[in-house]
């Protein structure tokens, strides 16, 4: 997963953070509502446990978390959401997977296709990209939380699959079924993470130059700005030199 945490760090610096924060809370609230429909006790509902961990890592207010869980568990939110992902390619042949949670598949598909087209990409057919990725859990901590050896040891002891540490931070990779348990154990050791979630891990990456990286970042940023999009994964690799230029 080389380059992934560096890329996410660049994306985090972009745009109006207050606006992104509000949009993030809306998306996480939807995740909580959907997960809570299978029970409002995180101890017996792994999906809800993961959603609560995500909400806490984003510093979502507790009363807002509780309201979302109550709406989902009590059936107050009658909207039916479908989990779906879209596959496509950005400029330079970079593979992208777009995770979405939508109440209208036709609307979301049209919007995602339009965003790809506007930024020099193409929405692909089902199966055209996913074979290049594995579904995993990702937990991210800042570099200052502990040194790489300490994080590596704690993560593997908790049941993680791998750890990628760099000057930017620590990225812990888990199997989907172990994600919630590893998240909780690491939170006990290091506190709340910067971010957590399920994502698609590329089996190999493609390095691009500064111009292509900037174009791809604009595409991914536009996709993630869609209210129905949960996250975007790519096999993009960014060198340290390009990171410095884009972060300036």
C-alpha atoms as a PDB file:
ATOM      1  CA  UNK A   1       0.000   0.000   0.000  1.00  0.00           C
ATOM      2  CA  UNK A   2       3.010   2.250  -0.529  1.00  0.00           C
ATOM      3  CA  UNK A   3       2.099   5.858  -1.163  1.00  0.00           C
ATOM      4  CA  UNK A   4      -1.471   5.546   0.072  1.00  0.00           C
ATOM      5  CA  UNK A   5      -1.005   7.382   3.368  1.00  0.00           C
ATOM      6  CA  UNK A   6       1.033  10.100   1.639  1.00  0.00           C
ATOM      7  CA  UNK A   7      -1.740  10.545  -0.904  1.00  0.00           C
ATOM      8  CA  UNK A   8      -4.430  10.731   1.772  1.00  0.00           C
ATOM      9  CA  UNK A   9      -2.363  13.310   3.625  1.00  0.00           C
ATOM     10  CA  UNK A  10      -2.287  15.545   0.557  1.00  0.00           C
ATOM     11  CA  UNK A  11      -6.030  15.155   0.029  1.00  0.00           C
ATOM     12  CA  UNK A  12      -6.650  16.045   3.671  1.00  0.00           C
ATOM     13  CA  UNK A  13      -4.949  19.422   3.159  1.00  0.00           C
ATOM     14  CA  UNK A  14      -7.071  20.372   0.181  1.00  0.00           C
ATOM     15  CA  UNK A  15     -10.196  22.493   0.167  1.00  0.00           C
ATOM     16  CA  UNK A  16     -12.294  24.130   2.853  1.00  0.00           C
ATOM     17  CA  UNK A  17     -11.972  21.828   5.844  1.00  0.00           C
ATOM     18  CA  UNK A  18     -15.155  23.005   7.572  1.00  0.00           C
ATOM     19  CA  UNK A  19     -17.197  22.120   4.500  1.00  0.00           C
ATOM     20  CA  UNK A  20     -15.501  18.738   4.172  1.00  0.00           C
ATOM     21  CA  UNK A  21     -16.087  18.065   7.871  1.00  0.00           C
ATOM     22  CA  UNK A  22     -19.836  18.696   7.570  1.00  0.00           C
ATOM     23  CA  UNK A  23     -20.044  16.457   4.501  1.00  0.00           C
ATOM     24  CA  UNK A  24     -18.070  13.754   6.305  1.00  0.00           C
ATOM     25  CA  UNK A  25     -20.458  13.820   9.258  1.00  0.00           C
ATOM     26  CA  UNK A  26     -23.399  13.423   6.884  1.00  0.00           C
ATOM     27  CA  UNK A  27     -21.808  10.379   5.284  1.00  0.00           C
ATOM     28  CA  UNK A  28     -20.829   8.810   8.606  1.00  0.00           C
ATOM     29  CA  UNK A  29     -24.336   9.420   9.927  1.00  0.00           C
ATOM     30  CA  UNK A  30     -25.687   7.417   7.012  1.00  0.00           C
ATOM     31  CA  UNK A  31     -23.252   4.595   7.822  1.00  0.00           C
ATOM     32  CA  UNK A  32     -24.443   4.577  11.437  1.00  0.00           C
ATOM     33  CA  UNK A  33     -28.112   4.485  10.428  1.00  0.00           C
ATOM     34  CA  UNK A  34     -27.588   1.547   8.078  1.00  0.00           C
ATOM     35  CA  UNK A  35     -25.442  -0.408  10.530  1.00  0.00           C
ATOM     36  CA  UNK A  36     -27.833   0.176  13.455  1.00  0.00           C
ATOM     37  CA  UNK A  37     -30.684  -1.526  11.597  1.00  0.00           C
ATOM     38  CA  UNK A  38     -29.062  -4.826  12.601  1.00  0.00           C
ATOM     39  CA  UNK A  39     -28.967  -3.881  16.274  1.00  0.00           C
ATOM     40  CA  UNK A  40     -28.061  -0.827  18.339  1.00  0.00           C
ATOM     41  CA  UNK A  41     -25.456  -2.535  20.552  1.00  0.00           C
ATOM     42  CA  UNK A  42     -21.951  -2.216  19.057  1.00  0.00           C
ATOM     43  CA  UNK A  43     -20.851  -5.126  21.223  1.00  0.00           C
ATOM     44  CA  UNK A  44     -23.007  -7.496  19.182  1.00  0.00           C
ATOM     45  CA  UNK A  45     -22.977  -5.634  15.877  1.00  0.00           C
ATOM     46  CA  UNK A  46     -19.525  -5.532  14.196  1.00  0.00           C
ATOM     47  CA  UNK A  47     -20.702  -3.202  11.432  1.00  0.00           C
ATOM     48  CA  UNK A  48     -22.030  -0.707  13.958  1.00  0.00           C
ATOM     49  CA  UNK A  49     -18.860  -1.056  16.040  1.00  0.00           C
ATOM     50  CA  UNK A  50     -16.785  -0.150  12.987  1.00  0.00           C
ATOM     51  CA  UNK A  51     -19.090   2.779  12.133  1.00  0.00           C
ATOM     52  CA  UNK A  52     -18.865   4.139  15.678  1.00  0.00           C
ATOM     53  CA  UNK A  53     -15.066   3.839  15.557  1.00  0.00           C
ATOM     54  CA  UNK A  54     -15.078   5.777  12.286  1.00  0.00           C
ATOM     55  CA  UNK A  55     -17.338   8.456  13.783  1.00  0.00           C
ATOM     56  CA  UNK A  56     -15.100   8.846  16.816  1.00  0.00           C
ATOM     57  CA  UNK A  57     -11.959   9.047  14.687  1.00  0.00           C
ATOM     58  CA  UNK A  58     -13.599  11.928  12.793  1.00  0.00           C
ATOM     59  CA  UNK A  59     -14.466  13.659  16.102  1.00  0.00           C
ATOM     60  CA  UNK A  60     -18.174  13.416  15.375  1.00  0.00           C
ATOM     61  CA  UNK A  61     -20.181  14.713  18.382  1.00  0.00           C
ATOM     62  CA  UNK A  62     -21.501  11.947  20.626  1.00  0.00           C
ATOM     63  CA  UNK A  63     -25.085  13.234  20.550  1.00  0.00           C
ATOM     64  CA  UNK A  64     -25.028  13.113  16.746  1.00  0.00           C
ATOM     65  CA  UNK A  65     -23.728   9.537  16.822  1.00  0.00           C
ATOM     66  CA  UNK A  66     -26.444   8.539  19.288  1.00  0.00           C
ATOM     67  CA  UNK A  67     -29.191  10.166  17.194  1.00  0.00           C
ATOM     68  CA  UNK A  68     -28.087   8.340  14.052  1.00  0.00           C
ATOM     69  CA  UNK A  69     -28.015   4.989  15.863  1.00  0.00           C
ATOM     70  CA  UNK A  70     -31.455   5.651  17.317  1.00  0.00           C
ATOM     71  CA  UNK A  71     -32.879   6.503  13.875  1.00  0.00           C
ATOM     72  CA  UNK A  72     -31.496   3.303  12.386  1.00  0.00           C
ATOM     73  CA  UNK A  73     -32.412   0.962  15.228  1.00  0.00           C
ATOM     74  CA  UNK A  74     -35.884   2.437  15.634  1.00  0.00           C
ATOM     75  CA  UNK A  75     -36.650   2.425  11.934  1.00  0.00           C
ATOM     76  CA  UNK A  76     -37.203   6.178  11.981  1.00  0.00           C
ATOM     77  CA  UNK A  77     -35.119   6.564   8.817  1.00  0.00           C
ATOM     78  CA  UNK A  78     -37.076   4.583   6.250  1.00  0.00           C
ATOM     79  CA  UNK A  79     -34.681   5.210   3.370  1.00  0.00           C
ATOM     80  CA  UNK A  80     -33.348   2.050   1.740  1.00  0.00           C
ATOM     81  CA  UNK A  81     -29.650   2.270   0.974  1.00  0.00           C
ATOM     82  CA  UNK A  82     -27.712   0.007  -1.387  1.00  0.00           C
ATOM     83  CA  UNK A  83     -23.994  -0.641  -0.996  1.00  0.00           C
ATOM     84  CA  UNK A  84     -22.370  -0.585  -4.411  1.00  0.00           C
ATOM     85  CA  UNK A  85     -18.975   0.095  -5.933  1.00  0.00           C
ATOM     86  CA  UNK A  86     -17.985   1.432  -9.319  1.00  0.00           C
ATOM     87  CA  UNK A  87     -14.812   0.620 -11.237  1.00  0.00           C
ATOM     88  CA  UNK A  88     -12.951   2.861 -13.620  1.00  0.00           C
ATOM     89  CA  UNK A  89      -9.705   4.338 -14.851  1.00  0.00           C
ATOM     90  CA  UNK A  90      -8.294   7.804 -14.411  1.00  0.00           C
ATOM     91  CA  UNK A  91      -5.758   9.563 -16.637  1.00  0.00           C
ATOM     92  CA  UNK A  92      -2.653   7.471 -17.201  1.00  0.00           C
ATOM     93  CA  UNK A  93      -4.481   4.196 -16.675  1.00  0.00           C
ATOM     94  CA  UNK A  94      -4.711   4.573 -12.891  1.00  0.00           C
ATOM     95  CA  UNK A  95      -7.296   2.115 -11.554  1.00  0.00           C
ATOM     96  CA  UNK A  96     -10.040   3.482  -9.289  1.00  0.00           C
ATOM     97  CA  UNK A  97     -12.750   1.869  -7.168  1.00  0.00           C
ATOM     98  CA  UNK A  98     -15.546   4.124  -5.934  1.00  0.00           C
ATOM     99  CA  UNK A  99     -17.423   2.874  -2.858  1.00  0.00           C
ATOM    100  CA  UNK A 100     -20.949   4.239  -2.568  1.00  0.00           C
ATOM    101  CA  UNK A 101     -23.983   3.999  -0.306  1.00  0.00           C
ATOM    102  CA  UNK A 102     -27.002   5.194  -2.254  1.00  0.00           C
ATOM    103  CA  UNK A 103     -30.778   5.347  -2.220  1.00  0.00           C
ATOM    104  CA  UNK A 104     -30.848   5.801  -6.008  1.00  0.00           C
ATOM    105  CA  UNK A 105     -28.496   3.671  -8.092  1.00  0.00           C
ATOM    106  CA  UNK A 106     -29.342   5.398 -11.366  1.00  0.00           C
ATOM    107  CA  UNK A 107     -28.587   8.860  -9.982  1.00  0.00           C
ATOM    108  CA  UNK A 108     -25.308   7.815  -8.397  1.00  0.00           C
ATOM    109  CA  UNK A 109     -24.109   5.904 -11.467  1.00  0.00           C
ATOM    110  CA  UNK A 110     -24.852   8.890 -13.699  1.00  0.00           C
ATOM    111  CA  UNK A 111     -23.055  11.307 -11.378  1.00  0.00           C
ATOM    112  CA  UNK A 112     -19.999   9.058 -10.993  1.00  0.00           C
ATOM    113  CA  UNK A 113     -19.800   8.521 -14.768  1.00  0.00           C
ATOM    114  CA  UNK A 114     -20.054  12.267 -15.366  1.00  0.00           C
ATOM    115  CA  UNK A 115     -17.280  12.992 -12.841  1.00  0.00           C
ATOM    116  CA  UNK A 116     -14.957  10.469 -14.484  1.00  0.00           C
ATOM    117  CA  UNK A 117     -15.611  12.036 -17.882  1.00  0.00           C
ATOM    118  CA  UNK A 118     -15.039  15.611 -16.739  1.00  0.00           C
ATOM    119  CA  UNK A 119     -11.613  14.722 -15.355  1.00  0.00           C
ATOM    120  CA  UNK A 120     -10.250  12.631 -18.184  1.00  0.00           C
ATOM    121  CA  UNK A 121     -11.231   9.231 -16.837  1.00  0.00           C
ATOM    122  CA  UNK A 122     -13.603   6.447 -17.823  1.00  0.00           C
ATOM    123  CA  UNK A 123     -16.139   4.471 -15.820  1.00  0.00           C
ATOM    124  CA  UNK A 124     -15.516   0.788 -16.508  1.00  0.00           C
ATOM    125  CA  UNK A 125     -17.581  -2.376 -16.574  1.00  0.00           C
ATOM    126  CA  UNK A 126     -18.071  -4.544 -13.503  1.00  0.00           C
ATOM    127  CA  UNK A 127     -14.941  -6.629 -12.960  1.00  0.00           C
ATOM    128  CA  UNK A 128     -12.679  -4.396 -15.032  1.00  0.00           C
ATOM    129  CA  UNK A 129     -10.668  -3.120 -12.056  1.00  0.00           C
ATOM    130  CA  UNK A 130     -11.549  -4.972  -8.854  1.00  0.00           C
ATOM    131  CA  UNK A 131      -9.243  -7.926  -9.593  1.00  0.00           C
ATOM    132  CA  UNK A 132      -6.321  -5.551  -8.997  1.00  0.00           C
ATOM    133  CA  UNK A 133      -7.394  -4.889  -5.373  1.00  0.00           C
ATOM    134  CA  UNK A 134      -8.081  -6.700  -2.099  1.00  0.00           C
ATOM    135  CA  UNK A 135     -10.760  -5.640   0.401  1.00  0.00           C
ATOM    136  CA  UNK A 136      -9.142  -4.690   3.739  1.00  0.00           C
ATOM    137  CA  UNK A 137      -9.524  -2.550   6.836  1.00  0.00           C
ATOM    138  CA  UNK A 138      -7.232   0.472   7.245  1.00  0.00           C
ATOM    139  CA  UNK A 139      -6.420   2.308  10.484  1.00  0.00           C
ATOM    140  CA  UNK A 140      -4.259   5.436  10.273  1.00  0.00           C
ATOM    141  CA  UNK A 141      -2.236   7.131  13.026  1.00  0.00           C
ATOM    142  CA  UNK A 142       0.060  10.172  12.887  1.00  0.00           C
ATOM    143  CA  UNK A 143       3.799   9.501  12.980  1.00  0.00           C
ATOM    144  CA  UNK A 144       4.129  11.158  16.383  1.00  0.00           C
ATOM    145  CA  UNK A 145       1.902   8.620  18.172  1.00  0.00           C
ATOM    146  CA  UNK A 146       4.804   6.146  18.527  1.00  0.00           C
ATOM    147  CA  UNK A 147       7.850   4.891  16.649  1.00  0.00           C
ATOM    148  CA  UNK A 148       7.428   2.394  13.826  1.00  0.00           C
ATOM    149  CA  UNK A 149       8.635  -0.594  15.872  1.00  0.00           C
ATOM    150  CA  UNK A 150       6.133   0.061  18.659  1.00  0.00           C
ATOM    151  CA  UNK A 151       3.234   0.455  16.248  1.00  0.00           C
ATOM    152  CA  UNK A 152       4.278  -2.616  14.260  1.00  0.00           C
ATOM    153  CA  UNK A 153       4.492  -4.792  17.351  1.00  0.00           C
ATOM    154  CA  UNK A 154       1.194  -3.578  18.806  1.00  0.00           C
ATOM    155  CA  UNK A 155      -0.632  -3.922  15.491  1.00  0.00           C
ATOM    156  CA  UNK A 156       0.509  -7.466  14.768  1.00  0.00           C
ATOM    157  CA  UNK A 157      -0.241  -8.528  18.338  1.00  0.00           C
ATOM    158  CA  UNK A 158      -3.759  -7.115  17.893  1.00  0.00           C
ATOM    159  CA  UNK A 159      -4.257  -9.227  14.761  1.00  0.00           C
ATOM    160  CA  UNK A 160      -3.342  -6.830  11.941  1.00  0.00           C
ATOM    161  CA  UNK A 161      -1.963  -8.125   8.650  1.00  0.00           C
ATOM    162  CA  UNK A 162       0.618  -5.437   7.945  1.00  0.00           C
ATOM    163  CA  UNK A 163       1.864  -1.959   8.894  1.00  0.00           C
ATOM    164  CA  UNK A 164       3.174   0.760   6.565  1.00  0.00           C
ATOM    165  CA  UNK A 165       5.061   3.456   8.492  1.00  0.00           C
ATOM    166  CA  UNK A 166       6.539   6.608   6.984  1.00  0.00           C
ATOM    167  CA  UNK A 167       7.320  10.196   7.919  1.00  0.00           C
ATOM    168  CA  UNK A 168       3.631  10.954   7.343  1.00  0.00           C
ATOM    169  CA  UNK A 169       2.224   8.335   9.693  1.00  0.00           C
ATOM    170  CA  UNK A 170       1.366   4.714  10.345  1.00  0.00           C
ATOM    171  CA  UNK A 171      -1.147   2.779   8.265  1.00  0.00           C
ATOM    172  CA  UNK A 172      -2.321  -0.515   9.734  1.00  0.00           C
ATOM    173  CA  UNK A 173      -3.880  -3.089   7.415  1.00  0.00           C
ATOM    174  CA  UNK A 174      -6.347  -5.704   8.682  1.00  0.00           C
ATOM    175  CA  UNK A 175      -8.603  -8.418   7.337  1.00  0.00           C
ATOM    176  CA  UNK A 176     -12.195  -7.203   7.068  1.00  0.00           C
ATOM    177  CA  UNK A 177     -13.369  -9.586   9.794  1.00  0.00           C
ATOM    178  CA  UNK A 178     -10.645  -8.373  12.193  1.00  0.00           C
ATOM    179  CA  UNK A 179     -11.040  -4.665  11.519  1.00  0.00           C
ATOM    180  CA  UNK A 180     -13.246  -3.707  14.490  1.00  0.00           C
ATOM    181  CA  UNK A 181     -11.266  -5.743  17.037  1.00  0.00           C
ATOM    182  CA  UNK A 182      -7.897  -4.404  15.865  1.00  0.00           C
ATOM    183  CA  UNK A 183      -9.260  -0.834  15.841  1.00  0.00           C
ATOM    184  CA  UNK A 184     -10.414  -1.147  19.436  1.00  0.00           C
ATOM    185  CA  UNK A 185      -7.154  -2.671  20.655  1.00  0.00           C
ATOM    186  CA  UNK A 186      -5.025  -0.009  18.994  1.00  0.00           C
ATOM    187  CA  UNK A 187      -7.284   2.732  20.361  1.00  0.00           C
ATOM    188  CA  UNK A 188      -6.561   1.421  23.856  1.00  0.00           C
ATOM    189  CA  UNK A 189      -2.822   1.669  23.168  1.00  0.00           C
ATOM    190  CA  UNK A 190      -2.563   4.840  21.087  1.00  0.00           C
ATOM    191  CA  UNK A 191      -5.866   6.666  21.430  1.00  0.00           C
ATOM    192  CA  UNK A 192      -8.279   7.564  18.632  1.00  0.00           C
ATOM    193  CA  UNK A 193      -6.846   7.109  15.121  1.00  0.00           C
ATOM    194  CA  UNK A 194      -6.760   9.812  12.468  1.00  0.00           C
ATOM    195  CA  UNK A 195      -9.045   7.716  10.290  1.00  0.00           C
ATOM    196  CA  UNK A 196     -10.411   4.205  10.008  1.00  0.00           C
ATOM    197  CA  UNK A 197     -12.461   2.338   7.444  1.00  0.00           C
ATOM    198  CA  UNK A 198     -12.768  -0.491   4.974  1.00  0.00           C
ATOM    199  CA  UNK A 199     -11.097   0.116   1.650  1.00  0.00           C
ATOM    200  CA  UNK A 200      -9.618  -1.551  -1.399  1.00  0.00           C
ATOM    201  CA  UNK A 201      -5.873  -2.215  -1.231  1.00  0.00           C
ATOM    202  CA  UNK A 202      -4.074  -2.246  -4.598  1.00  0.00           C
ATOM    203  CA  UNK A 203      -1.983  -5.337  -5.277  1.00  0.00           C
ATOM    204  CA  UNK A 204       0.547  -3.120  -7.077  1.00  0.00           C
ATOM    205  CA  UNK A 205       0.901   0.621  -7.619  1.00  0.00           C
ATOM    206  CA  UNK A 206       1.677   2.949 -10.522  1.00  0.00           C
ATOM    207  CA  UNK A 207       3.906   5.990 -10.009  1.00  0.00           C
ATOM    208  CA  UNK A 208       3.029   9.182 -11.868  1.00  0.00           C
ATOM    209  CA  UNK A 209       4.606  12.605 -12.328  1.00  0.00           C
ATOM    210  CA  UNK A 210       3.454  15.821 -10.665  1.00  0.00           C
ATOM    211  CA  UNK A 211       1.093  16.919 -13.462  1.00  0.00           C
ATOM    212  CA  UNK A 212      -0.632  13.550 -13.689  1.00  0.00           C
ATOM    213  CA  UNK A 213      -0.805  13.271  -9.886  1.00  0.00           C
ATOM    214  CA  UNK A 214      -2.506  16.660  -9.640  1.00  0.00           C
ATOM    215  CA  UNK A 215      -5.072  15.678 -12.291  1.00  0.00           C
ATOM    216  CA  UNK A 216      -5.818  12.402 -10.536  1.00  0.00           C
ATOM    217  CA  UNK A 217      -6.149  14.111  -7.174  1.00  0.00           C
ATOM    218  CA  UNK A 218      -8.712  16.490  -8.667  1.00  0.00           C
ATOM    219  CA  UNK A 219     -10.671  13.512 -10.018  1.00  0.00           C
ATOM    220  CA  UNK A 220     -10.635  11.682  -6.689  1.00  0.00           C
ATOM    221  CA  UNK A 221     -11.509  14.846  -4.786  1.00  0.00           C
ATOM    222  CA  UNK A 222     -14.491  15.431  -7.086  1.00  0.00           C
ATOM    223  CA  UNK A 223     -15.667  11.844  -6.653  1.00  0.00           C
ATOM    224  CA  UNK A 224     -15.373  12.017  -2.865  1.00  0.00           C
ATOM    225  CA  UNK A 225     -17.341  15.270  -2.877  1.00  0.00           C
ATOM    226  CA  UNK A 226     -20.415  13.303  -3.985  1.00  0.00           C
ATOM    227  CA  UNK A 227     -22.744  12.734  -1.019  1.00  0.00           C
ATOM    228  CA  UNK A 228     -23.284   9.096  -2.033  1.00  0.00           C
ATOM    229  CA  UNK A 229     -19.585   8.244  -2.253  1.00  0.00           C
ATOM    230  CA  UNK A 230     -18.042   6.734   0.862  1.00  0.00           C
ATOM    231  CA  UNK A 231     -14.437   6.488  -0.340  1.00  0.00           C
ATOM    232  CA  UNK A 232     -12.262   6.161  -3.414  1.00  0.00           C
ATOM    233  CA  UNK A 233      -9.341   3.717  -3.686  1.00  0.00           C
ATOM    234  CA  UNK A 234      -6.649   3.795  -6.339  1.00  0.00           C
ATOM    235  CA  UNK A 235      -3.350   2.186  -7.298  1.00  0.00           C
ATOM    236  CA  UNK A 236      -1.737   5.616  -7.517  1.00  0.00           C
ATOM    237  CA  UNK A 237       1.855   5.916  -6.234  1.00  0.00           C
ATOM    238  CA  UNK A 238       3.317   9.340  -5.467  1.00  0.00           C
ATOM    239  CA  UNK A 239       7.044   9.856  -4.915  1.00  0.00           C
ATOM    240  CA  UNK A 240       8.335  11.922  -1.981  1.00  0.00           C
ATOM    241  CA  UNK A 241       9.481  14.669  -4.362  1.00  0.00           C
ATOM    242  CA  UNK A 242       6.026  14.991  -5.893  1.00  0.00           C
ATOM    243  CA  UNK A 243       4.400  14.928  -2.452  1.00  0.00           C
ATOM    244  CA  UNK A 244       6.494  17.917  -1.404  1.00  0.00           C
ATOM    245  CA  UNK A 245       5.528  19.860  -4.527  1.00  0.00           C
ATOM    246  CA  UNK A 246       1.828  19.118  -4.185  1.00  0.00           C
ATOM    247  CA  UNK A 247       1.801  19.890  -0.467  1.00  0.00           C
ATOM    248  CA  UNK A 248       3.546  23.248  -0.860  1.00  0.00           C
END
